[in-house]
Protein backbone atom coordinates (compact mmCIF):
# COMPACT_ATOMS: atom_id res chain seq x y z
CA MET A 1 7.33 -8.35 3.28
CA ILE A 2 7.18 -6.12 6.31
CA GLN A 3 8.60 -7.36 9.58
CA MET A 4 8.38 -5.02 12.55
CA ASP A 5 9.71 -5.66 16.03
CA GLY A 6 9.37 -3.15 18.87
CA ASP A 7 12.50 -1.73 20.40
CA LYS A 8 14.05 -3.45 23.46
CA MET A 9 10.75 -4.87 24.66
CA GLY A 10 12.38 -7.72 26.61
CA ARG A 11 14.48 -5.30 28.61
CA LEU A 12 11.44 -3.16 29.29
CA ILE A 13 9.31 -6.06 30.52
CA ASN A 14 12.14 -7.39 32.70
CA GLY A 15 12.31 -4.01 34.44
CA VAL A 16 8.61 -3.84 35.31
CA GLN A 17 8.20 -3.35 39.05
CA SER A 18 4.46 -3.61 39.53
CA LYS A 19 1.40 -5.37 38.22
CA ASP A 20 -0.07 -2.02 37.10
CA GLU A 21 3.01 -1.18 35.01
CA HIS A 22 2.89 -4.58 33.36
CA GLN A 23 -0.84 -4.28 32.62
CA ASN A 24 -0.43 -0.78 31.15
CA ILE A 25 2.35 -1.87 28.81
CA SER A 26 0.46 -5.04 27.84
CA ARG A 27 -2.71 -3.04 27.19
CA ALA A 28 -0.86 -0.57 24.95
CA LEU A 29 0.75 -3.41 22.97
CA SER A 30 -2.60 -5.17 22.60
CA THR A 31 -4.27 -1.95 21.46
CA PHE A 32 -1.62 -1.43 18.79
CA SER A 33 -1.81 -5.03 17.53
CA HIS A 34 -5.58 -5.39 17.52
CA GLU A 35 -6.88 -1.90 16.77
CA HIS A 36 -4.22 -0.22 14.64
CA ALA A 37 -2.07 -2.69 12.68
CA LEU A 38 -4.92 -4.42 10.79
CA PRO A 39 -6.70 -1.28 9.55
CA LEU A 40 -3.42 0.36 8.53
CA VAL A 41 -2.20 -2.65 6.57
CA GLU A 42 -5.43 -3.92 5.03
CA ASP A 43 -7.72 -0.90 4.83
CA SER A 44 -5.52 2.11 4.23
CA TYR A 45 -2.76 0.58 2.09
CA PRO A 46 -3.97 -2.27 1.20
CA GLY A 47 -1.76 -5.22 2.05
CA ARG A 48 -2.34 -8.42 4.00
CA LEU A 49 -1.61 -8.69 7.69
CA ILE A 50 -0.22 -12.13 8.51
CA TYR A 51 0.51 -11.60 12.20
CA ALA A 52 0.26 -8.79 14.75
CA GLY A 53 0.91 -9.53 18.39
CA GLY A 54 2.60 -7.53 21.10
CA ASP A 55 5.34 -5.51 19.45
CA ASP A 56 5.60 -7.77 16.35
CA VAL A 57 3.99 -7.22 12.96
CA PHE A 58 4.39 -9.35 9.84
CA ALA A 59 2.59 -8.30 6.66
CA LEU A 60 2.72 -8.73 2.91
CA ALA A 61 2.30 -5.64 0.78
CA PRO A 62 3.05 -4.59 -2.79
CA LEU A 63 5.91 -2.14 -3.26
CA ALA A 64 3.60 0.62 -4.48
CA ARG A 65 -0.11 1.26 -4.93
CA ASP A 66 -2.05 3.81 -6.92
CA LEU A 67 -4.87 4.59 -4.50
CA PRO A 68 -7.95 6.74 -5.16
CA VAL A 69 -8.28 9.73 -2.86
CA GLN A 70 -11.75 10.87 -1.64
CA ASP A 71 -13.75 11.50 -4.81
CA GLY A 72 -12.18 8.55 -6.61
CA LYS A 73 -10.82 10.73 -9.40
CA VAL A 74 -7.57 11.86 -7.82
CA HIS A 75 -5.00 9.16 -7.25
CA GLN A 76 -2.09 9.02 -4.84
CA ILE A 77 0.94 6.79 -5.28
CA ARG A 78 1.83 5.17 -1.95
CA THR A 79 4.76 2.88 -1.35
CA VAL A 80 5.37 0.15 1.18
CA LEU A 81 7.72 2.61 2.91
CA ASP A 82 4.76 4.93 3.52
CA LEU A 83 2.98 2.03 5.19
CA VAL A 84 6.04 1.22 7.32
CA ASP A 85 6.25 4.88 8.39
CA GLN A 86 2.56 4.85 9.37
CA LEU A 87 2.93 1.63 11.37
CA GLN A 88 5.99 3.00 13.19
CA GLN A 89 4.27 6.30 13.96
CA ARG A 90 1.14 4.58 15.26
CA TYR A 91 3.27 2.23 17.40
CA CYS A 92 5.06 5.25 18.87
CA ASP A 93 1.77 7.04 19.53
CA VAL A 94 0.17 4.05 21.28
CA VAL A 95 3.01 2.19 23.00
CA LYS A 96 5.80 4.69 23.62
CA PRO A 97 3.86 6.78 26.18
CA GLU A 98 3.68 3.66 28.38
CA VAL A 99 7.38 3.00 27.88
CA ILE A 100 8.31 6.61 28.68
CA ASP A 101 6.04 6.63 31.74
CA HIS A 102 7.68 3.40 32.93
CA ASP A 103 11.19 4.84 32.38
CA VAL A 104 10.33 8.00 34.33
CA GLN A 105 8.88 6.01 37.23
CA SER A 106 11.87 3.69 37.38
CA THR A 107 14.36 6.57 37.64
CA GLU A 108 12.55 8.62 40.29
CA PRO A 109 14.35 8.95 43.64
CA ASN A 110 13.58 6.17 46.15
CA LYS A 111 12.56 3.82 43.34
CA LYS A 112 14.53 0.80 42.21
CA THR A 113 16.08 1.32 38.81
CA ARG A 114 16.09 -1.34 36.16
CA LYS A 115 19.17 -3.41 35.56
CA THR A 116 20.49 -2.97 32.05
């Protein structure tokens, strides 16, 4: 079982100051859930995605797979930890830029800062 939960998302959403910020973060989360989690889990590993929504992912995957590489003759052993690393990296690539942009905007002079 793989259970993934994005980091401090509630605190981030509570600190959103504008509709545009909220939409950008929501769009990034939706993009990760709908366009990245499914192909990573089911096509490149393969496992079974049970749920992906917002910053949450729940999937079932075997501990290790012997996967053919390109020509079908060479095989690569991949573990569930490789899949977890790929999911985390993709999440960081898609969602974290929005989080970082939000953090920078909220700490600029003359802007309200988030309560922690």
